[in-house]
Amino acid sequence: ASERSQRANLRRAEARLAELLAARVEGSRAEGARGARAAHYQVERGNAVRTYTMEGDGQLRPDGA
């Protein structure tokens, strides 16, 4: 009877470890997605190659010209 109980305990322990591992993997995936989403908002935007100013007559003039 003891051997059967040990095997049952072992099976339960293995099942529990599998659940914990699956939860950890899912948490990792969620964290990765969260990080990617956050990185989207931290992307540097700008560094304009050229800029323009609108003159009073409605024409665009390059800055510095």
PDB file of N, CA and C in Angstrom:
ATOM      1  N   ALA A   1       0.830  -1.194   0.000  1.00  0.00           N
ATOM      2  CA  ALA A   1       0.000   0.000   0.000  1.00  0.00           C
ATOM      3  C   ALA A   1       0.867   1.247   0.000  1.00  0.00           C
ATOM      4  N   SER A   2       1.975   1.180   0.696  1.00  0.00           N
ATOM      5  CA  SER A   2       2.869   2.328   0.781  1.00  0.00           C
ATOM      6  C   SER A   2       3.422   2.697  -0.597  1.00  0.00           C
ATOM      7  N   GLU A   3       3.778   1.672  -1.379  1.00  0.00           N
ATOM      8  CA  GLU A   3       4.341   1.928  -2.698  1.00  0.00           C
ATOM      9  C   GLU A   3       3.312   2.609  -3.595  1.00  0.00           C
ATOM     10  N   ARG A   4       2.076   2.164  -3.540  1.00  0.00           N
ATOM     11  CA  ARG A   4       1.037   2.783  -4.362  1.00  0.00           C
ATOM     12  C   ARG A   4       0.821   4.232  -3.945  1.00  0.00           C
ATOM     13  N   SER A   5       0.877   4.485  -2.658  1.00  0.00           N
ATOM     14  CA  SER A   5       0.689   5.841  -2.164  1.00  0.00           C
ATOM     15  C   SER A   5       1.847   6.738  -2.629  1.00  0.00           C
ATOM     16  N   GLN A   6       3.069   6.196  -2.595  1.00  0.00           N
ATOM     17  CA  GLN A   6       4.220   6.979  -3.053  1.00  0.00           C
ATOM     18  C   GLN A   6       4.099   7.301  -4.543  1.00  0.00           C
ATOM     19  N   ARG A   7       3.659   6.329  -5.313  1.00  0.00           N
ATOM     20  CA  ARG A   7       3.491   6.570  -6.756  1.00  0.00           C
ATOM     21  C   ARG A   7       2.410   7.619  -7.007  1.00  0.00           C
ATOM     22  N   ALA A   8       1.338   7.524  -6.237  1.00  0.00           N
ATOM     23  CA  ALA A   8       0.264   8.514  -6.383  1.00  0.00           C
ATOM     24  C   ALA A   8       0.789   9.908  -6.027  1.00  0.00           C
ATOM     25  N   ASN A   9       1.572   9.972  -4.950  1.00  0.00           N
ATOM     26  CA  ASN A   9       2.154  11.260  -4.548  1.00  0.00           C
ATOM     27  C   ASN A   9       3.094  11.785  -5.636  1.00  0.00           C
ATOM     28  N   LEU A  10       3.882  10.879  -6.210  1.00  0.00           N
ATOM     29  CA  LEU A  10       4.808  11.270  -7.267  1.00  0.00           C
ATOM     30  C   LEU A  10       4.040  11.810  -8.476  1.00  0.00           C
ATOM     31  N   ARG A  11       2.972  11.140  -8.854  1.00  0.00           N
ATOM     32  CA  ARG A  11       2.165  11.609  -9.986  1.00  0.00           C
ATOM     33  C   ARG A  11       1.552  12.977  -9.696  1.00  0.00           C
ATOM     34  N   ARG A  12       1.071  13.147  -8.466  1.00  0.00           N
ATOM     35  CA  ARG A  12       0.499  14.446  -8.095  1.00  0.00           C
ATOM     36  C   ARG A  12       1.568  15.538  -8.126  1.00  0.00           C
ATOM     37  N   ALA A  13       2.752  15.200  -7.616  1.00  0.00           N
ATOM     38  CA  ALA A  13       3.844  16.181  -7.601  1.00  0.00           C
ATOM     39  C   ALA A  13       4.258  16.546  -9.027  1.00  0.00           C
ATOM     40  N   GLU A  14       4.342  15.560  -9.904  1.00  0.00           N
ATOM     41  CA  GLU A  14       4.705  15.836 -11.294  1.00  0.00           C
ATOM     42  C   GLU A  14       3.649  16.708 -11.968  1.00  0.00           C
ATOM     43  N   ALA A  15       2.388  16.425 -11.692  1.00  0.00           N
ATOM     44  CA  ALA A  15       1.307  17.225 -12.273  1.00  0.00           C
ATOM     45  C   ALA A  15       1.386  18.668 -11.767  1.00  0.00           C
ATOM     46  N   ARG A  16       1.667  18.817 -10.483  1.00  0.00           N
ATOM     47  CA  ARG A  16       1.768  20.160  -9.896  1.00  0.00           C
ATOM     48  C   ARG A  16       2.949  20.922 -10.501  1.00  0.00           C
ATOM     49  N   LEU A  17       4.083  20.242 -10.660  1.00  0.00           N
ATOM     50  CA  LEU A  17       5.247  20.889 -11.271  1.00  0.00           C
ATOM     51  C   LEU A  17       4.951  21.304 -12.712  1.00  0.00           C
ATOM     52  N   ALA A  18       4.233  20.461 -13.435  1.00  0.00           N
ATOM     53  CA  ALA A  18       3.862  20.803 -14.811  1.00  0.00           C
ATOM     54  C   ALA A  18       2.974  22.044 -14.833  1.00  0.00           C
ATOM     55  N   GLU A  19       2.039  22.142 -13.892  1.00  0.00           N
ATOM     56  CA  GLU A  19       1.173  23.325 -13.805  1.00  0.00           C
ATOM     57  C   GLU A  19       1.989  24.575 -13.508  1.00  0.00           C
ATOM     58  N   LEU A  20       2.917  24.460 -12.553  1.00  0.00           N
ATOM     59  CA  LEU A  20       3.744  25.612 -12.188  1.00  0.00           C
ATOM     60  C   LEU A  20       4.613  26.059 -13.364  1.00  0.00           C
ATOM     61  N   LEU A  21       5.174  25.095 -14.073  1.00  0.00           N
ATOM     62  CA  LEU A  21       6.005  25.423 -15.225  1.00  0.00           C
ATOM     63  C   LEU A  21       5.172  26.098 -16.317  1.00  0.00           C
ATOM     64  N   ALA A  22       3.987  25.583 -16.568  1.00  0.00           N
ATOM     65  CA  ALA A  22       3.112  26.181 -17.578  1.00  0.00           C
ATOM     66  C   ALA A  22       2.743  27.614 -17.187  1.00  0.00           C
ATOM     67  N   ALA A  23       2.480  27.837 -15.902  1.00  0.00           N
ATOM     68  CA  ALA A  23       2.143  29.180 -15.432  1.00  0.00           C
ATOM     69  C   ALA A  23       3.335  30.120 -15.605  1.00  0.00           C
ATOM     70  N   ARG A  24       4.526  29.624 -15.336  1.00  0.00           N
ATOM     71  CA  ARG A  24       5.726  30.450 -15.479  1.00  0.00           C
ATOM     72  C   ARG A  24       5.942  30.820 -16.946  1.00  0.00           C
ATOM     73  N   VAL A  25       5.764  29.856 -17.838  1.00  0.00           N
ATOM     74  CA  VAL A  25       5.929  30.117 -19.274  1.00  0.00           C
ATOM     75  C   VAL A  25       4.905  31.148 -19.730  1.00  0.00           C
ATOM     76  N   GLU A  26       3.672  30.994 -19.304  1.00  0.00           N
ATOM     77  CA  GLU A  26       2.619  31.944 -19.687  1.00  0.00           C
ATOM     78  C   GLU A  26       2.937  33.337 -19.147  1.00  0.00           C
ATOM     79  N   GLY A  27       3.438  33.402 -17.913  1.00  0.00           N
ATOM     80  CA  GLY A  27       3.829  34.691 -17.339  1.00  0.00           C
ATOM     81  C   GLY A  27       4.946  35.338 -18.136  1.00  0.00           C
ATOM     82  N   SER A  28       5.886  34.531 -18.590  1.00  0.00           N
ATOM     83  CA  SER A  28       6.989  35.034 -19.415  1.00  0.00           C
ATOM     84  C   SER A  28       6.458  35.607 -20.719  1.00  0.00           C
ATOM     85  N   ARG A  29       5.532  34.900 -21.337  1.00  0.00           N
ATOM     86  CA  ARG A  29       4.945  35.383 -22.598  1.00  0.00           C
ATOM     87  C   ARG A  29       4.225  36.707 -22.379  1.00  0.00           C
ATOM     88  N   ALA A  30       3.457  36.774 -21.308  1.00  0.00           N
ATOM     89  CA  ALA A  30       2.708  38.000 -21.025  1.00  0.00           C
ATOM     90  C   ALA A  30       3.668  39.157 -20.769  1.00  0.00           C
ATOM     91  N   GLU A  31       4.741  38.894 -20.042  1.00  0.00           N
ATOM     92  CA  GLU A  31       5.723  39.941 -19.749  1.00  0.00           C
ATOM     93  C   GLU A  31       6.401  40.409 -21.031  1.00  0.00           C
ATOM     94  N   GLY A  32       6.698  39.473 -21.920  1.00  0.00           N
ATOM     95  CA  GLY A  32       7.307  39.840 -23.199  1.00  0.00           C
ATOM     96  C   GLY A  32       6.392  40.715 -24.027  1.00  0.00           C
ATOM     97  N   ALA A  33       5.125  40.371 -24.066  1.00  0.00           N
ATOM     98  CA  ALA A  33       4.152  41.170 -24.815  1.00  0.00           C
ATOM     99  C   ALA A  33       4.002  42.548 -24.188  1.00  0.00           C
ATOM    100  N   ARG A  34       3.989  42.592 -22.866  1.00  0.00           N
ATOM    101  CA  ARG A  34       3.865  43.874 -22.167  1.00  0.00           C
ATOM    102  C   ARG A  34       5.088  44.745 -22.464  1.00  0.00           C
ATOM    103  N   GLY A  35       6.270  44.128 -22.469  1.00  0.00           N
ATOM    104  CA  GLY A  35       7.495  44.870 -22.766  1.00  0.00           C
ATOM    105  C   GLY A  35       7.511  45.399 -24.186  1.00  0.00           C
ATOM    106  N   ALA A  36       7.048  44.598 -25.125  1.00  0.00           N
ATOM    107  CA  ALA A  36       6.999  45.037 -26.522  1.00  0.00           C
ATOM    108  C   ALA A  36       6.029  46.198 -26.682  1.00  0.00           C
ATOM    109  N   ARG A  37       4.904  46.117 -25.988  1.00  0.00           N
ATOM    110  CA  ARG A  37       3.914  47.191 -26.066  1.00  0.00           C
ATOM    111  C   ARG A  37       4.493  48.474 -25.466  1.00  0.00           C
ATOM    112  N   ALA A  38       5.201  48.360 -24.350  1.00  0.00           N
ATOM    113  CA  ALA A  38       5.796  49.535 -23.709  1.00  0.00           C
ATOM    114  C   ALA A  38       6.891  50.129 -24.587  1.00  0.00           C
ATOM    115  N   ALA A  39       7.662  49.284 -25.254  1.00  0.00           N
ATOM    116  CA  ALA A  39       8.745  49.771 -26.112  1.00  0.00           C
ATOM    117  C   ALA A  39       8.192  50.587 -27.274  1.00  0.00           C
ATOM    118  N   HIS A  40       7.001  50.252 -27.724  1.00  0.00           N
ATOM    119  CA  HIS A  40       6.392  50.995 -28.832  1.00  0.00           C
ATOM    120  C   HIS A  40       6.274  52.473 -28.489  1.00  0.00           C
ATOM    121  N   TYR A  41       5.952  52.779 -27.258  1.00  0.00           N
ATOM    122  CA  TYR A  41       5.755  54.163 -26.856  1.00  0.00           C
ATOM    123  C   TYR A  41       7.062  54.857 -26.512  1.00  0.00           C
ATOM    124  N   GLN A  42       8.163  54.109 -26.449  1.00  0.00           N
ATOM    125  CA  GLN A  42       9.454  54.705 -26.133  1.00  0.00           C
ATOM    126  C   GLN A  42      10.321  54.879 -27.375  1.00  0.00           C
ATOM    127  N   VAL A  43       9.785  54.541 -28.526  1.00  0.00           N
ATOM    128  CA  VAL A  43      10.536  54.687 -29.763  1.00  0.00           C
ATOM    129  C   VAL A  43      10.799  56.162 -30.001  1.00  0.00           C
ATOM    130  N   GLU A  44      12.022  56.464 -30.379  1.00  0.00           N
ATOM    131  CA  GLU A  44      12.361  57.849 -30.660  1.00  0.00           C
ATOM    132  C   GLU A  44      11.719  58.255 -31.975  1.00  0.00           C
ATOM    133  N   ARG A  45      10.966  59.300 -31.925  1.00  0.00           N
ATOM    134  CA  ARG A  45      10.316  59.792 -33.132  1.00  0.00           C
ATOM    135  C   ARG A  45      10.874  61.188 -33.410  1.00  0.00           C
ATOM    136  N   GLY A  46      11.148  61.434 -34.618  1.00  0.00           N
ATOM    137  CA  GLY A  46      11.643  62.763 -34.937  1.00  0.00           C
ATOM    138  C   GLY A  46      12.962  62.701 -35.659  1.00  0.00           C
ATOM    139  N   ASN A  47      13.911  63.522 -35.186  1.00  0.00           N
ATOM    140  CA  ASN A  47      15.187  63.704 -35.874  1.00  0.00           C
ATOM    141  C   ASN A  47      14.915  64.111 -37.319  1.00  0.00           C
ATOM    142  N   ALA A  48      14.191  65.197 -37.448  1.00  0.00           N
ATOM    143  CA  ALA A  48      13.771  65.656 -38.767  1.00  0.00           C
ATOM    144  C   ALA A  48      14.967  65.906 -39.671  1.00  0.00           C
ATOM    145  N   VAL A  49      14.841  65.497 -40.908  1.00  0.00           N
ATOM    146  CA  VAL A  49      15.880  65.728 -41.903  1.00  0.00           C
ATOM    147  C   VAL A  49      15.827  67.188 -42.349  1.00  0.00           C
ATOM    148  N   ARG A  50      14.628  67.694 -42.494  1.00  0.00           N
ATOM    149  CA  ARG A  50      14.459  69.103 -42.837  1.00  0.00           C
ATOM    150  C   ARG A  50      13.147  69.594 -42.230  1.00  0.00           C
ATOM    151  N   THR A  51      13.078  70.889 -42.019  1.00  0.00           N
ATOM    152  CA  THR A  51      11.857  71.489 -41.483  1.00  0.00           C
ATOM    153  C   THR A  51      11.457  72.665 -42.373  1.00  0.00           C
ATOM    154  N   TYR A  52      10.191  73.002 -42.304  1.00  0.00           N
ATOM    155  CA  TYR A  52       9.656  74.076 -43.131  1.00  0.00           C
ATOM    156  C   TYR A  52       8.873  75.036 -42.249  1.00  0.00           C
ATOM    157  N   THR A  53       8.802  76.267 -42.723  1.00  0.00           N
ATOM    158  CA  THR A  53       8.011  77.292 -42.057  1.00  0.00           C
ATOM    159  C   THR A  53       7.030  77.850 -43.080  1.00  0.00           C
ATOM    160  N   MET A  54       5.792  78.062 -42.639  1.00  0.00           N
ATOM    161  CA  MET A  54       4.806  78.637 -43.549  1.00  0.00           C
ATOM    162  C   MET A  54       4.906  80.156 -43.470  1.00  0.00           C
ATOM    163  N   GLU A  55       5.115  80.757 -44.609  1.00  0.00           N
ATOM    164  CA  GLU A  55       5.215  82.210 -44.699  1.00  0.00           C
ATOM    165  C   GLU A  55       3.812  82.819 -44.704  1.00  0.00           C
ATOM    166  N   GLY A  56       3.752  84.110 -44.596  1.00  0.00           N
ATOM    167  CA  GLY A  56       2.477  84.812 -44.581  1.00  0.00           C
ATOM    168  C   GLY A  56       1.677  84.624 -45.854  1.00  0.00           C
ATOM    169  N   ASP A  57       2.356  84.372 -46.968  1.00  0.00           N
ATOM    170  CA  ASP A  57       1.646  84.196 -48.240  1.00  0.00           C
ATOM    171  C   ASP A  57       1.166  82.759 -48.436  1.00  0.00           C
ATOM    172  N   GLY A  58       1.341  81.906 -47.428  1.00  0.00           N
ATOM    173  CA  GLY A  58       0.870  80.528 -47.496  1.00  0.00           C
ATOM    174  C   GLY A  58       1.866  79.555 -48.100  1.00  0.00           C
ATOM    175  N   GLN A  59       3.024  80.068 -48.496  1.00  0.00           N
ATOM    176  CA  GLN A  59       4.052  79.211 -49.083  1.00  0.00           C
ATOM    177  C   GLN A  59       4.929  78.606 -47.981  1.00  0.00           C
ATOM    178  N   LEU A  60       5.367  77.387 -48.223  1.00  0.00           N
ATOM    179  CA  LEU A  60       6.295  76.742 -47.297  1.00  0.00           C
ATOM    180  C   LEU A  60       7.719  77.077 -47.708  1.00  0.00           C
ATOM    181  N   ARG A  61       8.503  77.509 -46.739  1.00  0.00           N
ATOM    182  CA  ARG A  61       9.904  77.827 -46.991  1.00  0.00           C
ATOM    183  C   ARG A  61      10.753  76.923 -46.094  1.00  0.00           C
ATOM    184  N   PRO A  62      11.811  76.341 -46.661  1.00  0.00           N
ATOM    185  CA  PRO A  62      12.701  75.524 -45.824  1.00  0.00           C
ATOM    186  C   PRO A  62      13.340  76.399 -44.746  1.00  0.00           C
ATOM    187  N   ASP A  63      13.430  75.888 -43.533  1.00  0.00           N
ATOM    188  CA  ASP A  63      14.107  76.625 -42.465  1.00  0.00           C
ATOM    189  C   ASP A  63      15.583  76.724 -42.807  1.00  0.00           C
ATOM    190  N   GLY A  64      16.176  77.868 -42.468  1.00  0.00           N
ATOM    191  CA  GLY A  64      17.593  78.055 -42.726  1.00  0.00           C
ATOM    192  C   GLY A  64      17.888  78.537 -44.129  1.00  0.00           C
ATOM    193  N   ALA A  65      16.860  78.802 -44.924  1.00  0.00           N
ATOM    194  CA  ALA A  65      17.109  79.263 -46.301  1.00  0.00           C
ATOM    195  C   ALA A  65      16.872  80.746 -46.403  1.00  0.00           C
TER     196      ALA A  65
END
